Amino acid sequence: MRTLVVLAAIVCGIAVAIQAQFTGAMQRQIGTLESTFITYFSGGLIIALVTLAARGGNLAAARSLPWYVWSAGVLGLVIIFTLSLSVGQIGLVPALVIITVSQFVVGAVINHFGLLGAAINPMDFSKLLGFVLLGAGTFFVLR
């Protein structure tokens, strides 16, 4: 099972890099709003068809979700909009490096304090050292 999860994470990383390049290309050609619309419309259409084929899946259980998780869709729009804009303007690798470092920092804060329903996973010396190395790597990639 763990191998499958690791493979899923690798596929996700590959898809993010390819999608970022595609949305950046769209942004340069047609604009940020338009690239965000095309990305969300095409993905929304596909997941709507899959959900219909699954007879709604487990959508009825959505009523029991905490209120703040409903912002995931809006955050997805922010992600696609800013991904398209940043890759289109500064390029794939610089944008992905900045995005990834930002994710690590925010993720560490969320885990350290157990925010938004996350399990508490306190910052320790080895994680702090990892962030220092991440910062050094970011510096060298972006210079």
N, C-alpha and C. Protein backbone atom coordinates (compact mmCIF):
# COMPACT_ATOMS: atom_id res chain seq x y z
N MET A 1 0.83 -1.21 0.00
CA MET A 1 0.00 0.00 0.00
C MET A 1 0.87 1.25 0.00
N ARG A 2 1.93 1.25 0.83
CA ARG A 2 2.79 2.43 0.90
C ARG A 2 3.45 2.71 -0.46
N THR A 3 3.84 1.65 -1.17
CA THR A 3 4.43 1.82 -2.49
C THR A 3 3.45 2.50 -3.44
N LEU A 4 2.20 2.11 -3.37
CA LEU A 4 1.17 2.71 -4.22
C LEU A 4 1.01 4.20 -3.90
N VAL A 5 1.05 4.54 -2.62
CA VAL A 5 0.92 5.94 -2.22
C VAL A 5 2.12 6.75 -2.70
N VAL A 6 3.31 6.19 -2.59
CA VAL A 6 4.51 6.88 -3.07
C VAL A 6 4.43 7.07 -4.59
N LEU A 7 4.00 6.05 -5.30
CA LEU A 7 3.84 6.17 -6.75
C LEU A 7 2.79 7.23 -7.10
N ALA A 8 1.71 7.29 -6.33
CA ALA A 8 0.68 8.31 -6.55
C ALA A 8 1.28 9.71 -6.36
N ALA A 9 2.12 9.88 -5.35
CA ALA A 9 2.76 11.18 -5.11
C ALA A 9 3.71 11.54 -6.25
N ILE A 10 4.41 10.56 -6.79
CA ILE A 10 5.30 10.81 -7.93
C ILE A 10 4.48 11.22 -9.15
N VAL A 11 3.39 10.50 -9.41
CA VAL A 11 2.51 10.86 -10.53
C VAL A 11 1.98 12.29 -10.33
N CYS A 12 1.62 12.63 -9.12
CA CYS A 12 1.14 13.98 -8.82
C CYS A 12 2.22 15.02 -9.15
N GLY A 13 3.44 14.77 -8.73
CA GLY A 13 4.54 15.69 -9.02
C GLY A 13 4.76 15.87 -10.51
N ILE A 14 4.70 14.77 -11.24
CA ILE A 14 4.86 14.83 -12.70
C ILE A 14 3.72 15.63 -13.32
N ALA A 15 2.50 15.34 -12.88
CA ALA A 15 1.32 16.04 -13.42
C ALA A 15 1.38 17.53 -13.11
N VAL A 16 1.82 17.90 -11.92
CA VAL A 16 1.91 19.32 -11.55
C VAL A 16 2.89 20.04 -12.47
N ALA A 17 4.06 19.43 -12.71
CA ALA A 17 5.05 20.07 -13.57
C ALA A 17 4.54 20.23 -15.00
N ILE A 18 3.91 19.18 -15.53
CA ILE A 18 3.38 19.26 -16.90
C ILE A 18 2.23 20.24 -16.98
N GLN A 19 1.30 20.18 -15.99
CA GLN A 19 0.18 21.12 -16.00
C GLN A 19 0.68 22.55 -15.88
N ALA A 20 1.68 22.77 -15.04
CA ALA A 20 2.22 24.12 -14.88
C ALA A 20 2.76 24.65 -16.20
N GLN A 21 3.48 23.80 -16.91
CA GLN A 21 4.01 24.22 -18.22
C GLN A 21 2.87 24.54 -19.18
N PHE A 22 1.85 23.70 -19.20
CA PHE A 22 0.71 23.94 -20.10
C PHE A 22 -0.04 25.22 -19.74
N THR A 23 -0.31 25.43 -18.45
CA THR A 23 -1.04 26.65 -18.06
C THR A 23 -0.20 27.89 -18.29
N GLY A 24 1.11 27.77 -18.10
CA GLY A 24 2.00 28.90 -18.39
C GLY A 24 1.98 29.26 -19.87
N ALA A 25 1.99 28.23 -20.72
CA ALA A 25 1.92 28.47 -22.16
C ALA A 25 0.58 29.12 -22.53
N MET A 26 -0.52 28.63 -21.93
CA MET A 26 -1.82 29.25 -22.19
C MET A 26 -1.83 30.69 -21.71
N GLN A 27 -1.24 30.94 -20.55
CA GLN A 27 -1.23 32.29 -19.99
C GLN A 27 -0.52 33.26 -20.93
N ARG A 28 0.59 32.84 -21.49
CA ARG A 28 1.33 33.72 -22.40
C ARG A 28 0.54 33.98 -23.69
N GLN A 29 -0.23 32.99 -24.14
CA GLN A 29 -0.96 33.11 -25.41
C GLN A 29 -2.32 33.81 -25.27
N ILE A 30 -3.07 33.43 -24.20
CA ILE A 30 -4.46 33.93 -24.12
C ILE A 30 -4.78 34.67 -22.84
N GLY A 31 -3.91 34.60 -21.82
CA GLY A 31 -4.15 35.32 -20.57
C GLY A 31 -4.38 34.40 -19.38
N THR A 32 -4.23 34.96 -18.20
CA THR A 32 -4.32 34.19 -16.96
C THR A 32 -5.74 33.75 -16.66
N LEU A 33 -6.70 34.66 -16.76
CA LEU A 33 -8.10 34.29 -16.50
C LEU A 33 -8.57 33.20 -17.44
N GLU A 34 -8.21 33.35 -18.70
CA GLU A 34 -8.64 32.39 -19.71
C GLU A 34 -8.01 31.01 -19.47
N SER A 35 -6.74 30.99 -19.10
CA SER A 35 -6.08 29.70 -18.86
C SER A 35 -6.67 29.03 -17.62
N THR A 36 -7.02 29.83 -16.61
CA THR A 36 -7.65 29.29 -15.41
C THR A 36 -9.02 28.71 -15.75
N PHE A 37 -9.78 29.43 -16.56
CA PHE A 37 -11.10 28.95 -16.97
C PHE A 37 -11.00 27.63 -17.73
N ILE A 38 -10.11 27.56 -18.71
CA ILE A 38 -9.97 26.33 -19.51
C ILE A 38 -9.56 25.17 -18.62
N THR A 39 -8.64 25.40 -17.70
CA THR A 39 -8.16 24.33 -16.82
C THR A 39 -9.30 23.83 -15.93
N TYR A 40 -10.02 24.75 -15.30
CA TYR A 40 -11.09 24.33 -14.40
C TYR A 40 -12.29 23.76 -15.15
N PHE A 41 -12.62 24.35 -16.29
CA PHE A 41 -13.77 23.85 -17.04
C PHE A 41 -13.53 22.43 -17.52
N SER A 42 -12.37 22.18 -18.12
CA SER A 42 -12.10 20.84 -18.65
C SER A 42 -12.01 19.81 -17.52
N GLY A 43 -11.33 20.15 -16.43
CA GLY A 43 -11.25 19.23 -15.29
C GLY A 43 -12.59 19.04 -14.62
N GLY A 44 -13.37 20.12 -14.50
CA GLY A 44 -14.70 20.04 -13.88
C GLY A 44 -15.65 19.19 -14.70
N LEU A 45 -15.56 19.32 -16.01
CA LEU A 45 -16.41 18.52 -16.88
C LEU A 45 -16.10 17.03 -16.73
N ILE A 46 -14.82 16.70 -16.71
CA ILE A 46 -14.42 15.29 -16.59
C ILE A 46 -14.85 14.71 -15.24
N ILE A 47 -14.61 15.43 -14.14
CA ILE A 47 -14.98 14.88 -12.83
C ILE A 47 -16.50 14.82 -12.68
N ALA A 48 -17.21 15.75 -13.31
CA ALA A 48 -18.68 15.69 -13.28
C ALA A 48 -19.18 14.42 -13.96
N LEU A 49 -18.62 14.09 -15.10
CA LEU A 49 -19.01 12.88 -15.82
C LEU A 49 -18.65 11.62 -15.03
N VAL A 50 -17.48 11.60 -14.42
CA VAL A 50 -17.08 10.45 -13.62
C VAL A 50 -18.00 10.30 -12.41
N THR A 51 -18.34 11.42 -11.75
CA THR A 51 -19.23 11.37 -10.59
C THR A 51 -20.62 10.92 -11.00
N LEU A 52 -21.11 11.39 -12.12
CA LEU A 52 -22.40 10.92 -12.62
C LEU A 52 -22.37 9.42 -12.91
N ALA A 53 -21.29 8.95 -13.50
CA ALA A 53 -21.16 7.53 -13.80
C ALA A 53 -21.13 6.70 -12.51
N ALA A 54 -20.60 7.31 -11.43
CA ALA A 54 -20.55 6.63 -10.13
C ALA A 54 -21.82 6.89 -9.33
N ARG A 55 -22.84 7.42 -9.98
CA ARG A 55 -24.13 7.73 -9.36
C ARG A 55 -24.00 8.64 -8.14
N GLY A 56 -23.12 9.62 -8.25
CA GLY A 56 -22.97 10.60 -7.18
C GLY A 56 -21.94 10.24 -6.15
N GLY A 57 -21.41 9.03 -6.22
CA GLY A 57 -20.40 8.62 -5.24
C GLY A 57 -20.92 8.80 -3.83
N ASN A 58 -20.18 9.48 -3.02
CA ASN A 58 -20.53 9.70 -1.62
C ASN A 58 -20.78 11.18 -1.34
N LEU A 59 -21.34 11.89 -2.30
CA LEU A 59 -21.56 13.34 -2.15
C LEU A 59 -22.51 13.68 -1.01
N ALA A 60 -23.42 12.79 -0.67
CA ALA A 60 -24.36 13.06 0.42
C ALA A 60 -23.63 13.28 1.74
N ALA A 61 -22.48 12.65 1.91
CA ALA A 61 -21.71 12.80 3.15
C ALA A 61 -21.05 14.17 3.26
N ALA A 62 -21.06 14.93 2.19
CA ALA A 62 -20.42 16.26 2.21
C ALA A 62 -21.08 17.19 3.22
N ARG A 63 -22.32 16.93 3.58
CA ARG A 63 -23.01 17.79 4.56
C ARG A 63 -22.32 17.77 5.92
N SER A 64 -21.59 16.71 6.22
CA SER A 64 -20.95 16.60 7.54
C SER A 64 -19.54 17.19 7.58
N LEU A 65 -19.08 17.73 6.47
CA LEU A 65 -17.72 18.29 6.44
C LEU A 65 -17.66 19.60 7.20
N PRO A 66 -16.50 19.91 7.82
CA PRO A 66 -16.33 21.22 8.47
C PRO A 66 -16.46 22.34 7.42
N TRP A 67 -16.97 23.49 7.84
CA TRP A 67 -17.25 24.59 6.92
C TRP A 67 -16.02 25.02 6.14
N TYR A 68 -14.85 25.02 6.78
CA TYR A 68 -13.67 25.58 6.13
C TYR A 68 -13.14 24.73 4.98
N VAL A 69 -13.47 23.44 4.93
CA VAL A 69 -12.97 22.62 3.83
C VAL A 69 -13.66 22.96 2.51
N TRP A 70 -14.80 23.64 2.57
CA TRP A 70 -15.48 24.04 1.35
C TRP A 70 -14.69 25.09 0.57
N SER A 71 -13.70 25.70 1.19
CA SER A 71 -12.86 26.68 0.49
C SER A 71 -11.85 26.02 -0.44
N ALA A 72 -11.77 24.70 -0.44
CA ALA A 72 -10.82 23.99 -1.30
C ALA A 72 -11.00 24.34 -2.77
N GLY A 73 -12.23 24.49 -3.22
CA GLY A 73 -12.47 24.85 -4.62
C GLY A 73 -11.94 26.23 -4.95
N VAL A 74 -12.18 27.18 -4.05
CA VAL A 74 -11.67 28.54 -4.26
C VAL A 74 -10.14 28.53 -4.22
N LEU A 75 -9.58 27.79 -3.27
CA LEU A 75 -8.12 27.69 -3.21
C LEU A 75 -7.56 27.05 -4.47
N GLY A 76 -8.28 26.09 -5.02
CA GLY A 76 -7.86 25.49 -6.29
C GLY A 76 -7.80 26.52 -7.40
N LEU A 77 -8.79 27.43 -7.43
CA LEU A 77 -8.76 28.51 -8.41
C LEU A 77 -7.55 29.41 -8.19
N VAL A 78 -7.27 29.73 -6.93
CA VAL A 78 -6.09 30.55 -6.62
C VAL A 78 -4.82 29.84 -7.09
N ILE A 79 -4.74 28.53 -6.84
CA ILE A 79 -3.56 27.75 -7.24
C ILE A 79 -3.38 27.81 -8.75
N ILE A 80 -4.42 27.49 -9.51
CA ILE A 80 -4.30 27.46 -10.97
C ILE A 80 -4.02 28.85 -11.52
N PHE A 81 -4.70 29.87 -11.00
CA PHE A 81 -4.50 31.24 -11.47
C PHE A 81 -3.05 31.68 -11.23
N THR A 82 -2.55 31.48 -10.01
CA THR A 82 -1.20 31.94 -9.68
C THR A 82 -0.13 31.06 -10.32
N LEU A 83 -0.41 29.78 -10.48
CA LEU A 83 0.52 28.88 -11.18
C LEU A 83 0.66 29.32 -12.64
N SER A 84 -0.46 29.56 -13.28
CA SER A 84 -0.45 30.01 -14.66
C SER A 84 0.30 31.33 -14.81
N LEU A 85 0.01 32.27 -13.93
CA LEU A 85 0.66 33.57 -13.97
C LEU A 85 2.16 33.46 -13.73
N SER A 86 2.56 32.76 -12.68
CA SER A 86 3.98 32.71 -12.33
C SER A 86 4.80 31.92 -13.35
N VAL A 87 4.31 30.77 -13.80
CA VAL A 87 5.06 30.00 -14.81
C VAL A 87 5.13 30.78 -16.12
N GLY A 88 4.02 31.41 -16.47
CA GLY A 88 4.00 32.20 -17.71
C GLY A 88 4.96 33.36 -17.70
N GLN A 89 5.25 33.90 -16.52
CA GLN A 89 6.10 35.09 -16.44
C GLN A 89 7.55 34.80 -16.05
N ILE A 90 7.78 33.86 -15.12
CA ILE A 90 9.16 33.63 -14.67
C ILE A 90 9.71 32.27 -15.07
N GLY A 91 8.89 31.41 -15.65
CA GLY A 91 9.35 30.11 -16.10
C GLY A 91 8.99 28.99 -15.15
N LEU A 92 9.11 27.76 -15.64
CA LEU A 92 8.66 26.58 -14.92
C LEU A 92 9.45 26.31 -13.65
N VAL A 93 10.76 26.18 -13.75
CA VAL A 93 11.55 25.80 -12.57
C VAL A 93 11.53 26.88 -11.49
N PRO A 94 11.77 28.16 -11.80
CA PRO A 94 11.69 29.15 -10.72
C PRO A 94 10.33 29.17 -10.02
N ALA A 95 9.26 29.09 -10.81
CA ALA A 95 7.92 29.11 -10.21
C ALA A 95 7.71 27.89 -9.32
N LEU A 96 8.06 26.70 -9.82
CA LEU A 96 7.84 25.48 -9.03
C LEU A 96 8.69 25.46 -7.77
N VAL A 97 9.90 26.00 -7.83
CA VAL A 97 10.75 26.06 -6.63
C VAL A 97 10.10 26.95 -5.57
N ILE A 98 9.67 28.13 -5.98
CA ILE A 98 9.04 29.06 -5.03
C ILE A 98 7.75 28.46 -4.47
N ILE A 99 6.95 27.85 -5.33
CA ILE A 99 5.69 27.21 -4.90
C ILE A 99 5.98 26.09 -3.91
N THR A 100 6.95 25.24 -4.23
CA THR A 100 7.26 24.10 -3.36
C THR A 100 7.77 24.54 -2.00
N VAL A 101 8.66 25.52 -1.98
CA VAL A 101 9.17 26.01 -0.69
C VAL A 101 8.03 26.61 0.13
N SER A 102 7.16 27.36 -0.53
CA SER A 102 6.00 27.94 0.17
C SER A 102 5.12 26.85 0.76
N GLN A 103 4.91 25.77 0.01
CA GLN A 103 4.10 24.65 0.52
C GLN A 103 4.75 24.03 1.75
N PHE A 104 6.06 23.82 1.71
CA PHE A 104 6.76 23.23 2.85
C PHE A 104 6.63 24.10 4.10
N VAL A 105 6.83 25.39 3.94
CA VAL A 105 6.77 26.30 5.10
C VAL A 105 5.37 26.32 5.70
N VAL A 106 4.36 26.51 4.85
CA VAL A 106 2.98 26.55 5.36
C VAL A 106 2.59 25.19 5.94
N GLY A 107 2.99 24.11 5.27
CA GLY A 107 2.70 22.77 5.78
C GLY A 107 3.32 22.52 7.14
N ALA A 108 4.55 23.01 7.34
CA ALA A 108 5.22 22.84 8.63
C ALA A 108 4.50 23.60 9.74
N VAL A 109 4.04 24.80 9.41
CA VAL A 109 3.29 25.59 10.40
C VAL A 109 1.97 24.90 10.75
N ILE A 110 1.27 24.43 9.72
CA ILE A 110 0.00 23.73 9.94
C ILE A 110 0.22 22.49 10.81
N ASN A 111 1.23 21.69 10.49
CA ASN A 111 1.51 20.49 11.27
C ASN A 111 2.02 20.80 12.67
N HIS A 112 2.86 21.82 12.80
CA HIS A 112 3.42 22.15 14.12
C HIS A 112 2.32 22.50 15.12
N PHE A 113 1.34 23.27 14.66
CA PHE A 113 0.27 23.73 15.56
C PHE A 113 -1.01 22.89 15.45
N GLY A 114 -1.04 21.94 14.53
CA GLY A 114 -2.25 21.13 14.35
C GLY A 114 -3.42 21.94 13.82
N LEU A 115 -3.14 22.86 12.93
CA LEU A 115 -4.18 23.73 12.39
C LEU A 115 -5.05 23.00 11.36
N LEU A 116 -6.27 23.47 11.19
CA LEU A 116 -7.18 23.00 10.15
C LEU A 116 -7.42 21.49 10.18
N GLY A 117 -7.38 20.93 11.36
CA GLY A 117 -7.66 19.51 11.52
C GLY A 117 -6.46 18.59 11.32
N ALA A 118 -5.27 19.16 11.09
CA ALA A 118 -4.07 18.34 10.88
C ALA A 118 -3.57 17.77 12.20
N ALA A 119 -2.93 16.61 12.09
CA ALA A 119 -2.28 16.03 13.27
C ALA A 119 -1.10 16.90 13.66
N ILE A 120 -0.86 17.03 14.96
CA ILE A 120 0.28 17.82 15.44
C ILE A 120 1.56 17.03 15.20
N ASN A 121 2.50 17.70 14.55
CA ASN A 121 3.81 17.13 14.27
C ASN A 121 4.81 18.25 14.48
N PRO A 122 5.30 18.40 15.73
CA PRO A 122 6.10 19.58 16.09
C PRO A 122 7.40 19.70 15.30
N MET A 123 7.81 20.93 15.10
CA MET A 123 9.08 21.23 14.47
C MET A 123 10.19 20.80 15.42
N ASP A 124 11.21 20.15 14.90
CA ASP A 124 12.37 19.77 15.70
C ASP A 124 13.63 20.18 14.96
N PHE A 125 14.79 19.87 15.55
CA PHE A 125 16.05 20.33 14.97
C PHE A 125 16.27 19.76 13.57
N SER A 126 15.99 18.49 13.36
CA SER A 126 16.24 17.91 12.03
C SER A 126 15.34 18.53 10.96
N LYS A 127 14.11 18.84 11.31
CA LYS A 127 13.22 19.51 10.35
C LYS A 127 13.70 20.93 10.08
N LEU A 128 14.14 21.60 11.14
CA LEU A 128 14.67 22.95 10.98
C LEU A 128 15.90 22.93 10.08
N LEU A 129 16.77 21.96 10.28
CA LEU A 129 17.95 21.81 9.43
C LEU A 129 17.52 21.55 7.98
N GLY A 130 16.49 20.75 7.80
CA GLY A 130 15.97 20.51 6.45
C GLY A 130 15.50 21.79 5.79
N PHE A 131 14.86 22.66 6.55
CA PHE A 131 14.41 23.94 6.00
C PHE A 131 15.59 24.85 5.65
N VAL A 132 16.64 24.80 6.45
CA VAL A 132 17.84 25.58 6.13
C VAL A 132 18.43 25.08 4.81
N LEU A 133 18.52 23.77 4.65
CA LEU A 133 19.04 23.20 3.40
C LEU A 133 18.13 23.52 2.22
N LEU A 134 16.83 23.48 2.47
CA LEU A 134 15.86 23.83 1.43
C LEU A 134 16.05 25.29 1.00
N GLY A 135 16.27 26.15 1.98
CA GLY A 135 16.52 27.56 1.67
C GLY A 135 17.79 27.73 0.85
N ALA A 136 18.86 27.01 1.22
CA ALA A 136 20.11 27.09 0.47
C ALA A 136 19.90 26.58 -0.96
N GLY A 137 19.20 25.46 -1.10
CA GLY A 137 18.92 24.92 -2.44
C GLY A 137 18.10 25.89 -3.27
N THR A 138 17.13 26.52 -2.65
CA THR A 138 16.30 27.50 -3.35
C THR A 138 17.16 28.66 -3.85
N PHE A 139 18.05 29.13 -3.00
CA PHE A 139 18.95 30.23 -3.38
C PHE A 139 19.75 29.86 -4.62
N PHE A 140 20.32 28.66 -4.62
CA PHE A 140 21.16 28.27 -5.76
C PHE A 140 20.34 28.03 -7.03
N VAL A 141 19.15 27.50 -6.92
CA VAL A 141 18.32 27.27 -8.11
C VAL A 141 17.87 28.59 -8.71
N LEU A 142 17.54 29.56 -7.87
CA LEU A 142 16.97 30.82 -8.36
C LEU A 142 18.00 31.86 -8.79
N ARG A 143 19.27 31.65 -8.48
CA ARG A 143 20.25 32.68 -8.86
C ARG A 143 20.69 32.59 -10.28
